[in-house]
Protein backbone atom coordinates (compact mmCIF):
# COMPACT_ATOMS: atom_id res chain seq x y z
CA MET A 1 66.49 127.29 152.57
CA ARG A 2 66.34 128.66 149.04
CA ARG A 3 66.22 126.64 145.94
CA PRO A 4 68.73 127.41 143.12
CA ASP A 5 67.09 129.36 140.22
CA PRO A 6 68.36 127.53 136.91
CA HIS A 7 67.95 131.02 135.02
CA ASN A 8 70.40 132.76 137.22
CA MET A 9 74.16 131.98 136.66
CA ALA A 10 75.06 133.00 140.37
CA ASP A 11 72.81 130.34 141.57
CA THR A 12 74.11 127.64 139.57
CA PRO A 13 76.99 125.32 140.60
CA GLY A 14 80.12 126.83 138.97
CA GLY A 15 78.35 129.83 137.79
CA GLY A 16 80.41 132.13 140.02
CA ASP A 17 79.38 135.58 141.17
CA GLY A 18 78.38 136.92 137.78
CA ASP A 19 81.48 139.16 137.27
CA GLY A 20 83.82 136.48 136.18
CA ASP A 21 85.06 135.79 132.66
CA VAL A 22 82.81 134.30 130.02
CA SER A 23 84.91 132.12 127.67
CA VAL A 24 83.66 131.28 124.01
CA VAL A 25 85.05 128.12 122.42
CA THR A 26 85.38 128.38 118.99
CA LYS A 27 86.42 125.36 116.77
CA THR A 28 88.72 126.22 113.67
CA ARG A 29 88.84 123.48 111.08
CA PRO A 30 92.48 123.17 109.69
CA LYS A 31 92.87 123.78 106.13
CA THR A 32 93.55 120.27 104.53
CA ALA A 33 96.51 120.80 102.05
CA ARG A 34 96.09 118.97 98.95
CA PRO A 35 98.27 116.25 98.39
CA PRO A 36 101.42 116.96 95.99
CA LEU A 37 101.15 115.81 92.48
CA TYR A 38 103.86 114.00 90.54
CA LYS A 39 104.82 114.09 87.02
CA VAL A 40 105.29 110.90 85.07
CA LEU A 41 108.18 111.35 82.47
CA LEU A 42 109.18 109.02 79.74
CA LEU A 43 112.78 109.30 78.62
CA ASN A 44 114.32 108.72 75.26
CA ASP A 45 116.72 106.01 74.45
CA ASP A 46 118.23 104.65 70.97
CA TYR A 47 116.69 101.15 71.16
CA THR A 48 113.10 101.10 71.92
CA PRO A 49 110.90 101.25 68.95
CA MET A 50 108.64 104.46 68.40
CA GLU A 51 105.73 101.83 67.84
CA PHE A 52 106.22 100.43 71.35
CA VAL A 53 106.43 104.03 72.93
CA VAL A 54 103.08 104.70 71.33
CA MET A 55 101.64 101.44 72.55
CA VAL A 56 102.84 102.07 76.16
CA LEU A 57 101.12 105.52 75.97
CA GLU A 58 97.75 104.20 74.78
CA LYS A 59 97.81 101.17 77.07
CA PHE A 60 98.99 102.79 80.49
CA PHE A 61 97.80 106.37 80.21
CA GLN A 62 94.83 106.05 77.99
CA ILE A 63 95.89 108.45 75.53
CA GLY A 64 94.59 108.42 71.79
CA HIS A 65 96.80 107.27 69.06
CA SER A 66 97.42 110.78 67.28
CA HIS A 67 98.24 112.14 70.85
CA ALA A 68 100.43 109.29 71.77
CA VAL A 69 102.27 109.87 68.47
CA GLU A 70 102.70 113.51 69.27
CA ILE A 71 104.28 112.72 72.81
CA MET A 72 106.39 109.96 71.28
CA LEU A 73 107.97 112.35 68.82
CA THR A 74 108.43 114.83 71.82
CA VAL A 75 110.46 112.04 73.72
CA HIS A 76 112.34 111.41 70.56
CA LYS A 77 113.20 115.07 69.65
CA LYS A 78 113.60 116.44 73.23
CA GLY A 79 114.75 113.53 75.27
CA LEU A 80 111.82 113.42 77.47
CA ALA A 81 108.20 114.14 78.02
CA VAL A 82 105.60 114.56 80.76
CA VAL A 83 102.91 111.79 79.82
CA GLY A 84 100.65 112.62 83.02
CA VAL A 85 100.45 114.07 86.39
CA PHE A 86 99.11 111.99 89.46
CA SER A 87 98.89 111.48 93.09
CA HIS A 88 102.06 110.00 94.40
CA GLU A 89 100.56 106.37 94.60
CA ILE A 90 99.15 106.32 91.03
CA ALA A 91 102.31 107.84 89.65
CA GLU A 92 104.35 105.25 91.19
CA THR A 93 102.16 102.52 89.98
CA LYS A 94 102.29 103.86 86.34
CA VAL A 95 106.01 104.02 86.50
CA ALA A 96 106.33 100.40 87.84
CA GLN A 97 103.80 99.04 85.15
CA VAL A 98 105.70 100.85 82.18
CA MET A 99 109.18 99.64 83.45
CA ASP A 100 107.96 96.16 83.90
CA PHE A 101 106.29 95.99 80.58
CA ALA A 102 109.40 97.28 78.87
CA ARG A 103 111.57 94.92 80.67
CA ARG A 104 109.23 91.99 79.69
CA HIS A 105 109.53 93.11 76.14
CA GLN A 106 113.13 93.46 76.40
CA HIS A 107 113.28 97.28 75.69
CA PRO A 108 115.30 99.68 77.70
CA LEU A 109 112.62 102.26 77.76
CA GLN A 110 112.92 104.32 80.97
CA CYS A 111 109.80 105.82 82.92
CA THR A 112 110.37 108.04 86.06
CA MET A 113 108.36 110.43 88.19
CA GLU A 114 109.11 113.76 89.81
CA LYS A 115 107.18 116.08 92.30
CA GLU A 116 105.37 118.84 90.33
CA GLU A 117 106.27 122.29 91.44
């Protein structure tokens, strides 16, 4: 009886007769899509003091005073302004923080978020 030759595919179990198909398995990595980003917007109202809006921008969005004043004036003149772009969870948290803070200080300031396109 002859011993199988490990270097000869025909002699190895499942090696076949040598004229079978040889398959190559390739692994393709799926491209991970970046999560969507969300714009956080402040909306104008006729009651919230401008100083309060500036304080909110500084406190919750870490915006410097002069830039916060510019954004507040944009909100005042145009009706709304984007104050930041974040992942869904962070945007949601910022909106909740601003709304809660405004309510606790009895201001009707509105903050919302929308998906960035």
